[in-house]
Amino acid sequence: MPYSVRDLLGHFVKLPPERNRDGMCPHACCRGKRPHPDKFPVILHRDTLRAMSDEQLYQHYQRGAVGENGRAVQQVLREMQRREDRSRAREQRSATRATKADEYRSYLENEWTAAEEATRGNMVNARGRGRGVDPRAMWTDARLRDRYASDELRAYFDHHPVVSPREFHGEAAAAAGARRRRSTRLYGVY
């Protein structure tokens, strides 16, 4: 097996055999016969700190030399806080996305109900009925809308255009305005 794995000290090592899972050092310096000497630096490089798993970070924090060094304690605690903030922000973004998706879905459902009332249920042309096209798909797929929408539904779409999720949430207009502001030569002057 080649030495293709880097450990936290930056050494290239082989993966330790199963019998070395009890903390024995797999480096050539120890040959799996003893734990690695306690020369692991107390203040870690940022890349090393971020590469550590939560378990390794906790083990590093438990070392006696780290507890005696205030800077090392702050470094580990800041890294733990950064990881918590990152996971909290990720959860918040996914919750926001889910809420926006639910709002858009309810909007589409209301639009579909209004279109069904306006067209009296005649939303798909004969060719679309023969192919079994779902009328709800007309709001999300423009190609289906162009091919299989009935004349009544086309008239409805003329008065009630289909709104994309970005347009529904106002993100498209904000992005277009930002592009216009960046492209003008007077940007920042007024």
N, C-alpha and C. Protein backbone atom coordinates (compact mmCIF):
# COMPACT_ATOMS: atom_id res chain seq x y z
N MET A 1 0.86 -1.17 0.00
CA MET A 1 0.00 0.00 0.00
C MET A 1 0.90 1.24 0.00
N PRO A 2 0.67 2.19 -0.92
CA PRO A 2 1.53 3.37 -0.99
C PRO A 2 1.25 4.34 0.15
N TYR A 3 2.23 5.17 0.40
CA TYR A 3 2.06 6.23 1.39
C TYR A 3 1.32 7.37 0.69
N SER A 4 0.02 7.32 0.70
CA SER A 4 -0.76 8.29 -0.07
C SER A 4 -1.71 9.12 0.78
N VAL A 5 -1.65 8.96 2.10
CA VAL A 5 -2.55 9.68 2.99
C VAL A 5 -1.72 10.61 3.86
N ARG A 6 -2.16 11.86 4.01
CA ARG A 6 -1.47 12.79 4.91
C ARG A 6 -2.20 12.82 6.24
N ASP A 7 -1.42 12.81 7.31
CA ASP A 7 -2.04 12.95 8.63
C ASP A 7 -2.03 14.43 9.01
N LEU A 8 -2.44 14.73 10.24
CA LEU A 8 -2.53 16.12 10.66
C LEU A 8 -1.17 16.80 10.78
N LEU A 9 -0.12 16.04 10.94
CA LEU A 9 1.21 16.63 11.01
C LEU A 9 1.80 16.88 9.64
N GLY A 10 1.11 16.42 8.59
CA GLY A 10 1.61 16.61 7.24
C GLY A 10 2.45 15.45 6.74
N HIS A 11 2.63 14.40 7.55
CA HIS A 11 3.38 13.24 7.11
C HIS A 11 2.57 12.43 6.12
N PHE A 12 3.23 11.84 5.12
CA PHE A 12 2.58 10.86 4.28
C PHE A 12 2.64 9.53 5.01
N VAL A 13 1.51 8.90 5.21
CA VAL A 13 1.45 7.64 5.96
C VAL A 13 0.58 6.65 5.23
N LYS A 14 0.76 5.39 5.58
CA LYS A 14 -0.18 4.36 5.15
C LYS A 14 -1.35 4.40 6.11
N LEU A 15 -2.48 3.93 5.65
CA LEU A 15 -3.60 3.84 6.58
C LEU A 15 -3.23 2.84 7.66
N PRO A 16 -3.47 3.15 8.92
CA PRO A 16 -3.07 2.22 9.98
C PRO A 16 -3.92 0.95 9.92
N PRO A 17 -3.31 -0.20 10.22
CA PRO A 17 -4.11 -1.43 10.24
C PRO A 17 -5.12 -1.36 11.38
N GLU A 18 -6.06 -2.27 11.34
CA GLU A 18 -7.13 -2.25 12.34
C GLU A 18 -6.58 -2.37 13.76
N ARG A 19 -5.47 -3.05 13.95
CA ARG A 19 -4.94 -3.22 15.30
C ARG A 19 -4.38 -1.91 15.86
N ASN A 20 -4.16 -0.90 14.99
CA ASN A 20 -3.62 0.38 15.45
C ASN A 20 -4.71 1.42 15.70
N ARG A 21 -5.93 1.02 15.78
CA ARG A 21 -7.01 1.98 16.01
C ARG A 21 -7.01 2.52 17.44
N ASP A 22 -6.19 1.96 18.30
CA ASP A 22 -6.18 2.40 19.70
C ASP A 22 -5.25 3.59 19.93
N GLY A 23 -4.88 4.32 18.87
CA GLY A 23 -4.10 5.53 19.04
C GLY A 23 -2.62 5.36 18.83
N MET A 24 -2.18 4.19 18.38
CA MET A 24 -0.76 4.00 18.12
C MET A 24 -0.37 4.76 16.86
N CYS A 25 0.84 5.31 16.86
CA CYS A 25 1.30 6.16 15.77
C CYS A 25 1.72 5.30 14.57
N PRO A 26 1.16 5.54 13.37
CA PRO A 26 1.53 4.74 12.21
C PRO A 26 2.77 5.27 11.48
N HIS A 27 3.38 6.37 11.97
CA HIS A 27 4.55 6.93 11.30
C HIS A 27 5.75 6.00 11.42
N ALA A 28 6.75 6.27 10.57
CA ALA A 28 7.98 5.50 10.62
C ALA A 28 8.72 5.73 11.93
N CYS A 29 8.47 6.88 12.57
CA CYS A 29 9.17 7.18 13.82
C CYS A 29 8.72 6.25 14.95
N CYS A 30 7.50 5.80 14.92
CA CYS A 30 6.97 4.99 16.02
C CYS A 30 6.66 3.55 15.60
N ARG A 31 6.44 3.33 14.33
CA ARG A 31 6.16 2.02 13.75
C ARG A 31 5.00 1.30 14.43
N GLY A 32 4.03 2.06 14.91
CA GLY A 32 2.85 1.46 15.48
C GLY A 32 3.06 0.81 16.83
N LYS A 33 4.20 1.10 17.49
CA LYS A 33 4.51 0.45 18.77
C LYS A 33 4.19 1.33 19.96
N ARG A 34 3.97 2.63 19.74
CA ARG A 34 3.67 3.53 20.85
C ARG A 34 2.87 4.71 20.32
N PRO A 35 2.22 5.45 21.20
CA PRO A 35 1.55 6.67 20.75
C PRO A 35 2.58 7.68 20.30
N HIS A 36 2.18 8.58 19.42
CA HIS A 36 3.10 9.59 18.92
C HIS A 36 3.55 10.50 20.06
N PRO A 37 4.81 10.88 20.07
CA PRO A 37 5.27 11.80 21.12
C PRO A 37 4.45 13.08 21.12
N ASP A 38 4.33 13.67 22.26
CA ASP A 38 3.47 14.83 22.42
C ASP A 38 4.16 16.08 21.87
N LYS A 39 4.53 16.05 20.60
CA LYS A 39 5.18 17.19 19.96
C LYS A 39 4.24 17.85 18.97
N PHE A 40 3.00 17.46 19.00
CA PHE A 40 2.01 18.08 18.14
C PHE A 40 1.93 19.54 18.56
N PRO A 41 2.02 20.48 17.64
CA PRO A 41 2.07 21.89 18.04
C PRO A 41 0.80 22.31 18.78
N VAL A 42 0.98 23.23 19.71
CA VAL A 42 -0.15 23.71 20.50
C VAL A 42 -0.97 24.71 19.68
N ILE A 43 -0.31 25.66 19.02
CA ILE A 43 -1.00 26.60 18.13
C ILE A 43 -0.94 25.99 16.74
N LEU A 44 -2.10 25.71 16.19
CA LEU A 44 -2.17 25.01 14.91
C LEU A 44 -2.31 25.99 13.75
N HIS A 45 -1.84 25.57 12.60
CA HIS A 45 -2.05 26.33 11.38
C HIS A 45 -3.53 26.26 11.03
N ARG A 46 -4.06 27.33 10.43
CA ARG A 46 -5.50 27.39 10.15
C ARG A 46 -5.96 26.22 9.27
N ASP A 47 -5.16 25.86 8.25
CA ASP A 47 -5.55 24.76 7.37
C ASP A 47 -5.61 23.44 8.13
N THR A 48 -4.66 23.24 9.05
CA THR A 48 -4.66 22.03 9.86
C THR A 48 -5.87 22.01 10.77
N LEU A 49 -6.16 23.14 11.35
CA LEU A 49 -7.30 23.25 12.27
C LEU A 49 -8.61 22.94 11.56
N ARG A 50 -8.76 23.47 10.36
CA ARG A 50 -10.01 23.24 9.61
C ARG A 50 -10.09 21.83 9.05
N ALA A 51 -8.97 21.17 8.85
CA ALA A 51 -8.98 19.80 8.33
C ALA A 51 -9.31 18.78 9.41
N MET A 52 -9.21 19.18 10.66
CA MET A 52 -9.46 18.25 11.76
C MET A 52 -10.95 17.93 11.87
N SER A 53 -11.24 16.69 12.22
CA SER A 53 -12.63 16.33 12.49
C SER A 53 -13.00 16.89 13.87
N ASP A 54 -14.28 16.85 14.19
CA ASP A 54 -14.72 17.34 15.49
C ASP A 54 -14.08 16.54 16.62
N GLU A 55 -13.96 15.24 16.40
CA GLU A 55 -13.35 14.37 17.42
C GLU A 55 -11.88 14.73 17.63
N GLN A 56 -11.15 14.95 16.53
CA GLN A 56 -9.74 15.32 16.65
C GLN A 56 -9.58 16.68 17.30
N LEU A 57 -10.47 17.59 16.99
CA LEU A 57 -10.43 18.92 17.59
C LEU A 57 -10.66 18.82 19.10
N TYR A 58 -11.60 17.99 19.49
CA TYR A 58 -11.89 17.79 20.91
C TYR A 58 -10.70 17.15 21.62
N GLN A 59 -10.06 16.17 20.98
CA GLN A 59 -8.89 15.53 21.58
C GLN A 59 -7.75 16.53 21.73
N HIS A 60 -7.57 17.38 20.73
CA HIS A 60 -6.52 18.40 20.81
C HIS A 60 -6.82 19.37 21.96
N TYR A 61 -8.08 19.72 22.13
CA TYR A 61 -8.49 20.63 23.20
C TYR A 61 -8.24 20.02 24.58
N GLN A 62 -8.37 18.70 24.69
CA GLN A 62 -8.19 18.01 25.97
C GLN A 62 -6.72 17.89 26.40
N ARG A 63 -5.79 18.11 25.49
CA ARG A 63 -4.38 18.02 25.84
C ARG A 63 -4.03 19.03 26.92
N GLY A 64 -3.17 18.64 27.82
CA GLY A 64 -2.78 19.52 28.92
C GLY A 64 -2.07 20.77 28.45
N ALA A 65 -1.22 20.66 27.41
CA ALA A 65 -0.47 21.82 26.93
C ALA A 65 -1.39 22.86 26.32
N VAL A 66 -2.49 22.43 25.73
CA VAL A 66 -3.42 23.38 25.13
C VAL A 66 -4.14 24.17 26.22
N GLY A 67 -4.55 23.48 27.27
CA GLY A 67 -5.25 24.14 28.37
C GLY A 67 -4.41 25.18 29.08
N GLU A 68 -3.08 25.03 29.04
CA GLU A 68 -2.19 25.98 29.68
C GLU A 68 -1.92 27.21 28.82
N ASN A 69 -2.23 27.12 27.53
CA ASN A 69 -1.94 28.21 26.61
C ASN A 69 -3.26 28.89 26.23
N GLY A 70 -3.43 30.13 26.66
CA GLY A 70 -4.69 30.85 26.42
C GLY A 70 -4.98 31.05 24.94
N ARG A 71 -3.93 31.31 24.14
CA ARG A 71 -4.12 31.50 22.70
C ARG A 71 -4.61 30.23 22.04
N ALA A 72 -4.09 29.08 22.47
CA ALA A 72 -4.50 27.80 21.89
C ALA A 72 -5.95 27.50 22.23
N VAL A 73 -6.34 27.81 23.46
CA VAL A 73 -7.74 27.59 23.86
C VAL A 73 -8.66 28.46 23.02
N GLN A 74 -8.30 29.74 22.85
CA GLN A 74 -9.12 30.64 22.04
C GLN A 74 -9.20 30.18 20.60
N GLN A 75 -8.08 29.67 20.07
CA GLN A 75 -8.06 29.20 18.70
C GLN A 75 -9.04 28.04 18.50
N VAL A 76 -9.01 27.08 19.41
CA VAL A 76 -9.90 25.92 19.30
C VAL A 76 -11.35 26.34 19.49
N LEU A 77 -11.61 27.20 20.46
CA LEU A 77 -12.99 27.65 20.69
C LEU A 77 -13.53 28.45 19.51
N ARG A 78 -12.68 29.29 18.89
CA ARG A 78 -13.12 30.04 17.71
C ARG A 78 -13.46 29.09 16.56
N GLU A 79 -12.67 28.04 16.40
CA GLU A 79 -12.95 27.07 15.34
C GLU A 79 -14.26 26.33 15.60
N MET A 80 -14.49 25.97 16.84
CA MET A 80 -15.76 25.31 17.19
C MET A 80 -16.94 26.25 16.93
N GLN A 81 -16.78 27.53 17.28
CA GLN A 81 -17.84 28.51 17.05
C GLN A 81 -18.07 28.70 15.55
N ARG A 82 -16.99 28.75 14.77
CA ARG A 82 -17.11 28.91 13.32
C ARG A 82 -17.90 27.75 12.72
N ARG A 83 -17.62 26.54 13.18
CA ARG A 83 -18.34 25.37 12.67
C ARG A 83 -19.81 25.41 13.05
N GLU A 84 -20.10 25.83 14.27
CA GLU A 84 -21.50 25.94 14.69
C GLU A 84 -22.23 27.01 13.89
N ASP A 85 -21.58 28.17 13.69
CA ASP A 85 -22.20 29.25 12.91
C ASP A 85 -22.47 28.81 11.48
N ARG A 86 -21.51 28.09 10.91
CA ARG A 86 -21.67 27.61 9.53
C ARG A 86 -22.84 26.64 9.42
N SER A 87 -22.96 25.72 10.36
CA SER A 87 -24.07 24.76 10.30
C SER A 87 -25.41 25.45 10.56
N ARG A 88 -25.43 26.43 11.46
CA ARG A 88 -26.66 27.17 11.74
C ARG A 88 -27.09 27.96 10.51
N ALA A 89 -26.14 28.60 9.83
CA ALA A 89 -26.45 29.37 8.63
C ALA A 89 -26.95 28.43 7.52
N ARG A 90 -26.36 27.26 7.40
CA ARG A 90 -26.80 26.30 6.39
C ARG A 90 -28.24 25.85 6.66
N GLU A 91 -28.55 25.59 7.91
CA GLU A 91 -29.92 25.20 8.27
C GLU A 91 -30.90 26.33 7.99
N GLN A 92 -30.51 27.56 8.29
CA GLN A 92 -31.38 28.70 8.05
C GLN A 92 -31.63 28.91 6.56
N ARG A 93 -30.58 28.74 5.73
CA ARG A 93 -30.76 28.87 4.29
C ARG A 93 -31.70 27.80 3.75
N SER A 94 -31.55 26.57 4.23
CA SER A 94 -32.43 25.51 3.73
C SER A 94 -33.87 25.73 4.18
N ALA A 95 -34.06 26.26 5.39
CA ALA A 95 -35.42 26.56 5.85
C ALA A 95 -36.04 27.68 5.03
N THR A 96 -35.24 28.69 4.69
CA THR A 96 -35.74 29.79 3.87
C THR A 96 -36.11 29.29 2.49
N ARG A 97 -35.26 28.44 1.91
CA ARG A 97 -35.57 27.87 0.59
C ARG A 97 -36.86 27.07 0.63
N ALA A 98 -37.03 26.27 1.69
CA ALA A 98 -38.25 25.46 1.81
C ALA A 98 -39.48 26.35 1.94
N THR A 99 -39.38 27.42 2.70
CA THR A 99 -40.51 28.34 2.86
C THR A 99 -40.86 29.00 1.53
N LYS A 100 -39.83 29.45 0.80
CA LYS A 100 -40.09 30.08 -0.49
C LYS A 100 -40.71 29.09 -1.47
N ALA A 101 -40.26 27.85 -1.45
CA ALA A 101 -40.82 26.83 -2.34
C ALA A 101 -42.28 26.57 -2.00
N ASP A 102 -42.60 26.52 -0.71
CA ASP A 102 -44.00 26.32 -0.30
C ASP A 102 -44.88 27.48 -0.73
N GLU A 103 -44.39 28.71 -0.59
CA GLU A 103 -45.16 29.88 -1.02
C GLU A 103 -45.42 29.83 -2.52
N TYR A 104 -44.40 29.49 -3.28
CA TYR A 104 -44.56 29.43 -4.74
C TYR A 104 -45.53 28.32 -5.13
N ARG A 105 -45.43 27.17 -4.45
CA ARG A 105 -46.36 26.06 -4.73
C ARG A 105 -47.81 26.46 -4.48
N SER A 106 -48.06 27.15 -3.38
CA SER A 106 -49.44 27.59 -3.09
C SER A 106 -49.90 28.63 -4.12
N TYR A 107 -48.98 29.49 -4.57
CA TYR A 107 -49.32 30.45 -5.62
C TYR A 107 -49.71 29.72 -6.90
N LEU A 108 -48.92 28.70 -7.29
CA LEU A 108 -49.23 27.92 -8.49
C LEU A 108 -50.57 27.20 -8.36
N GLU A 109 -50.85 26.70 -7.18
CA GLU A 109 -52.12 26.01 -6.96
C GLU A 109 -53.29 26.99 -7.14
N ASN A 110 -53.17 28.19 -6.61
CA ASN A 110 -54.21 29.21 -6.78
C ASN A 110 -54.37 29.60 -8.25
N GLU A 111 -53.25 29.76 -8.94
CA GLU A 111 -53.30 30.09 -10.37
C GLU A 111 -53.98 28.98 -11.16
N TRP A 112 -53.64 27.74 -10.85
CA TRP A 112 -54.23 26.61 -11.57
C TRP A 112 -55.74 26.56 -11.33
N THR A 113 -56.16 26.79 -10.10
CA THR A 113 -57.60 26.78 -9.78
C THR A 113 -58.32 27.89 -10.53
N ALA A 114 -57.74 29.09 -10.57
CA ALA A 114 -58.35 30.21 -11.29
C ALA A 114 -58.42 29.92 -12.79
N ALA A 115 -57.36 29.31 -13.34
CA ALA A 115 -57.35 28.98 -14.77
C ALA A 115 -58.38 27.90 -15.08
N GLU A 116 -58.54 26.95 -14.19
CA GLU A 116 -59.53 25.89 -14.40
C GLU A 116 -60.94 26.47 -14.42
N GLU A 117 -61.21 27.43 -13.54
CA GLU A 117 -62.52 28.09 -13.54
C GLU A 117 -62.71 28.93 -14.81
N ALA A 118 -61.67 29.64 -15.23
CA ALA A 118 -61.78 30.52 -16.40
C ALA A 118 -61.95 29.72 -17.69
N THR A 119 -61.31 28.57 -17.78
CA THR A 119 -61.38 27.76 -19.01
C THR A 119 -62.44 26.67 -18.92
N ARG A 120 -63.12 26.58 -17.79
CA ARG A 120 -64.13 25.54 -17.53
C ARG A 120 -63.55 24.14 -17.71
N GLY A 121 -62.31 23.98 -17.30
CA GLY A 121 -61.66 22.68 -17.32
C GLY A 121 -61.04 22.31 -18.65
N ASN A 122 -61.18 23.15 -19.67
CA ASN A 122 -60.63 22.85 -20.99
C ASN A 122 -59.25 23.52 -21.11
N MET A 123 -58.22 22.85 -20.57
CA MET A 123 -56.89 23.47 -20.55
C MET A 123 -55.90 22.82 -21.50
N VAL A 124 -56.18 21.62 -21.96
CA VAL A 124 -55.25 20.89 -22.82
C VAL A 124 -55.93 20.66 -24.17
N ASN A 125 -55.20 20.87 -25.28
CA ASN A 125 -55.78 20.63 -26.60
C ASN A 125 -55.91 19.13 -26.86
N ALA A 126 -56.49 18.77 -28.00
CA ALA A 126 -56.78 17.35 -28.30
C ALA A 126 -55.49 16.53 -28.39
N ARG A 127 -54.46 17.08 -28.98
CA ARG A 127 -53.19 16.35 -29.08
C ARG A 127 -52.60 16.08 -27.70
N GLY A 128 -52.70 17.05 -26.81
CA GLY A 128 -52.21 16.88 -25.44
C GLY A 128 -53.02 15.86 -24.66
N ARG A 129 -54.35 15.88 -24.85
CA ARG A 129 -55.19 14.87 -24.17
C ARG A 129 -54.83 13.48 -24.65
N GLY A 130 -54.54 13.33 -25.95
CA GLY A 130 -54.15 12.03 -26.49
C GLY A 130 -52.84 11.53 -25.89
N ARG A 131 -51.98 12.44 -25.54
CA ARG A 131 -50.69 12.05 -24.94
C ARG A 131 -50.73 12.01 -23.43
N GLY A 132 -51.84 12.40 -22.84
CA GLY A 132 -51.98 12.34 -21.39
C GLY A 132 -51.22 13.43 -20.65
N VAL A 133 -51.16 14.61 -21.22
CA VAL A 133 -50.42 15.73 -20.61
C VAL A 133 -51.19 16.25 -19.40
N ASP A 134 -50.48 16.44 -18.32
CA ASP A 134 -51.07 16.98 -17.10
C ASP A 134 -51.18 18.50 -17.23
N PRO A 135 -52.37 19.07 -17.03
CA PRO A 135 -52.51 20.52 -17.18
C PRO A 135 -51.66 21.32 -16.19
N ARG A 136 -51.37 20.76 -15.03
CA ARG A 136 -50.55 21.49 -14.04
C ARG A 136 -49.13 21.71 -14.53
N ALA A 137 -48.67 20.84 -15.40
CA ALA A 137 -47.30 20.96 -15.91
C ALA A 137 -47.14 22.18 -16.82
N MET A 138 -48.24 22.76 -17.26
CA MET A 138 -48.16 23.93 -18.15
C MET A 138 -47.54 25.14 -17.45
N TRP A 139 -47.65 25.21 -16.14
CA TRP A 139 -47.12 26.36 -15.40
C TRP A 139 -45.62 26.26 -15.17
N THR A 140 -45.06 25.07 -15.29
CA THR A 140 -43.63 24.92 -15.02
C THR A 140 -42.83 24.58 -16.27
N ASP A 141 -43.48 24.18 -17.36
CA ASP A 141 -42.74 23.78 -18.56
C ASP A 141 -43.27 24.58 -19.76
N ALA A 142 -42.46 25.49 -20.26
CA ALA A 142 -42.89 26.37 -21.36
C ALA A 142 -43.10 25.58 -22.65
N ARG A 143 -42.33 24.52 -22.88
CA ARG A 143 -42.50 23.73 -24.11
C ARG A 143 -43.85 23.04 -24.13
N LEU A 144 -44.26 22.49 -22.99
CA LEU A 144 -45.59 21.88 -22.93
C LEU A 144 -46.67 22.92 -23.15
N ARG A 145 -46.48 24.09 -22.56
CA ARG A 145 -47.45 25.17 -22.69
C ARG A 145 -47.60 25.56 -24.16
N ASP A 146 -46.48 25.67 -24.89
CA ASP A 146 -46.53 26.06 -26.30
C ASP A 146 -47.18 24.99 -27.17
N ARG A 147 -46.96 23.73 -26.87
CA ARG A 147 -47.45 22.64 -27.70
C ARG A 147 -48.89 22.23 -27.40
N TYR A 148 -49.23 22.16 -26.10
CA TYR A 148 -50.46 21.48 -25.74
C TYR A 148 -51.51 22.35 -25.04
N ALA A 149 -51.30 23.64 -24.89
CA ALA A 149 -52.29 24.49 -24.23
C ALA A 149 -53.47 24.71 -25.17
N SER A 150 -54.68 24.66 -24.62
CA SER A 150 -55.88 24.92 -25.42
C SER A 150 -55.97 26.42 -25.70
N ASP A 151 -56.87 26.77 -26.64
CA ASP A 151 -57.04 28.19 -26.97
C ASP A 151 -57.53 28.98 -25.76
N GLU A 152 -58.39 28.37 -24.95
CA GLU A 152 -58.90 29.05 -23.77
C GLU A 152 -57.78 29.33 -22.77
N LEU A 153 -56.88 28.33 -22.60
CA LEU A 153 -55.77 28.52 -21.66
C LEU A 153 -54.78 29.55 -22.19
N ARG A 154 -54.58 29.57 -23.51
CA ARG A 154 -53.69 30.60 -24.08
C ARG A 154 -54.25 32.00 -23.83
N ALA A 155 -55.55 32.13 -23.96
CA ALA A 155 -56.18 33.43 -23.69
C ALA A 155 -56.02 33.79 -22.21
N TYR A 156 -56.13 32.80 -21.33
CA TYR A 156 -55.93 33.06 -19.90
C TYR A 156 -54.49 33.52 -19.63
N PHE A 157 -53.52 32.84 -20.29
CA PHE A 157 -52.11 33.20 -20.10
C PHE A 157 -51.80 34.59 -20.65
N ASP A 158 -52.57 35.04 -21.66
CA ASP A 158 -52.36 36.40 -22.18
C ASP A 158 -52.67 37.45 -21.11
N HIS A 159 -53.66 37.18 -20.28
CA HIS A 159 -54.05 38.13 -19.23
C HIS A 159 -53.36 37.87 -17.90
N HIS A 160 -52.92 36.62 -17.70
CA HIS A 160 -52.26 36.22 -16.44
C HIS A 160 -50.97 35.47 -16.80
N PRO A 161 -49.91 36.17 -17.11
CA PRO A 161 -48.67 35.48 -17.53
C PRO A 161 -48.10 34.62 -16.40
N VAL A 162 -47.41 33.58 -16.83
CA VAL A 162 -46.79 32.67 -15.87
C VAL A 162 -45.60 33.37 -15.22
N VAL A 163 -45.50 33.24 -13.92
CA VAL A 163 -44.44 33.90 -13.15
C VAL A 163 -43.47 32.83 -12.67
N SER A 164 -42.18 33.06 -12.90
CA SER A 164 -41.16 32.11 -12.43
C SER A 164 -40.96 32.27 -10.93
N PRO A 165 -40.33 31.29 -10.27
CA PRO A 165 -40.08 31.44 -8.83
C PRO A 165 -39.26 32.68 -8.49
N ARG A 166 -38.27 33.01 -9.30
CA ARG A 166 -37.45 34.20 -9.02
C ARG A 166 -38.26 35.47 -9.16
N GLU A 167 -39.12 35.52 -10.18
CA GLU A 167 -39.97 36.70 -10.36
C GLU A 167 -40.98 36.80 -9.22
N PHE A 168 -41.50 35.65 -8.78
CA PHE A 168 -42.48 35.64 -7.71
C PHE A 168 -41.91 36.24 -6.43
N HIS A 169 -40.66 35.92 -6.15
CA HIS A 169 -40.02 36.40 -4.92
C HIS A 169 -39.31 37.74 -5.10
N GLY A 170 -39.36 38.30 -6.32
CA GLY A 170 -38.76 39.61 -6.56
C GLY A 170 -37.26 39.57 -6.72
N GLU A 171 -36.67 38.38 -6.84
CA GLU A 171 -35.21 38.29 -6.95
C GLU A 171 -34.75 38.66 -8.35
N ALA A 172 -35.55 38.37 -9.37
CA ALA A 172 -35.13 38.67 -10.74
C ALA A 172 -35.04 40.17 -10.95
N ALA A 173 -36.02 40.91 -10.45
CA ALA A 173 -36.01 42.36 -10.62
C ALA A 173 -34.82 42.98 -9.89
N ALA A 174 -34.52 42.49 -8.71
CA ALA A 174 -33.37 43.02 -7.95
C ALA A 174 -32.06 42.74 -8.68
N ALA A 175 -31.93 41.53 -9.24
CA ALA A 175 -30.71 41.18 -9.97
C ALA A 175 -30.58 42.02 -11.24
N ALA A 176 -31.69 42.24 -11.95
CA ALA A 176 -31.63 43.06 -13.17
C ALA A 176 -31.27 44.51 -12.83
N GLY A 177 -31.81 45.04 -11.74
CA GLY A 177 -31.48 46.40 -11.33
C GLY A 177 -30.01 46.53 -10.96
N ALA A 178 -29.48 45.52 -10.28
CA ALA A 178 -28.06 45.56 -9.92
C ALA A 178 -27.18 45.51 -11.16
N ARG A 179 -27.57 44.69 -12.17
CA ARG A 179 -26.80 44.63 -13.41
C ARG A 179 -26.84 45.99 -14.12
N ARG A 180 -28.02 46.63 -14.15
CA ARG A 180 -28.12 47.93 -14.80
C ARG A 180 -27.24 48.96 -14.08
N ARG A 181 -27.25 48.93 -12.76
CA ARG A 181 -26.44 49.90 -12.01
C ARG A 181 -24.95 49.67 -12.25
N ARG A 182 -24.54 48.41 -12.35
CA ARG A 182 -23.12 48.13 -12.59
C ARG A 182 -22.70 48.50 -14.00
N SER A 183 -23.61 48.40 -14.96
CA SER A 183 -23.23 48.62 -16.35
C SER A 183 -23.21 50.11 -16.73
N THR A 184 -23.84 50.96 -15.97
CA THR A 184 -23.86 52.38 -16.31
C THR A 184 -22.50 53.02 -16.04
N ARG A 185 -22.17 53.99 -16.87
CA ARG A 185 -20.89 54.67 -16.68
C ARG A 185 -20.92 55.60 -15.49
N LEU A 186 -22.10 55.97 -15.04
CA LEU A 186 -22.23 56.91 -13.94
C LEU A 186 -22.37 56.18 -12.59
N TYR A 187 -22.03 54.91 -12.56
CA TYR A 187 -22.18 54.14 -11.32
C TYR A 187 -21.35 54.78 -10.22
N GLY A 188 -21.97 55.08 -9.12
CA GLY A 188 -21.28 55.67 -7.98
C GLY A 188 -21.22 57.18 -8.01
N VAL A 189 -21.62 57.82 -9.13
CA VAL A 189 -21.55 59.27 -9.25
C VAL A 189 -22.77 59.91 -8.62
N TYR A 190 -23.94 59.33 -8.84
CA TYR A 190 -25.18 59.95 -8.35
C TYR A 190 -25.54 59.50 -6.97
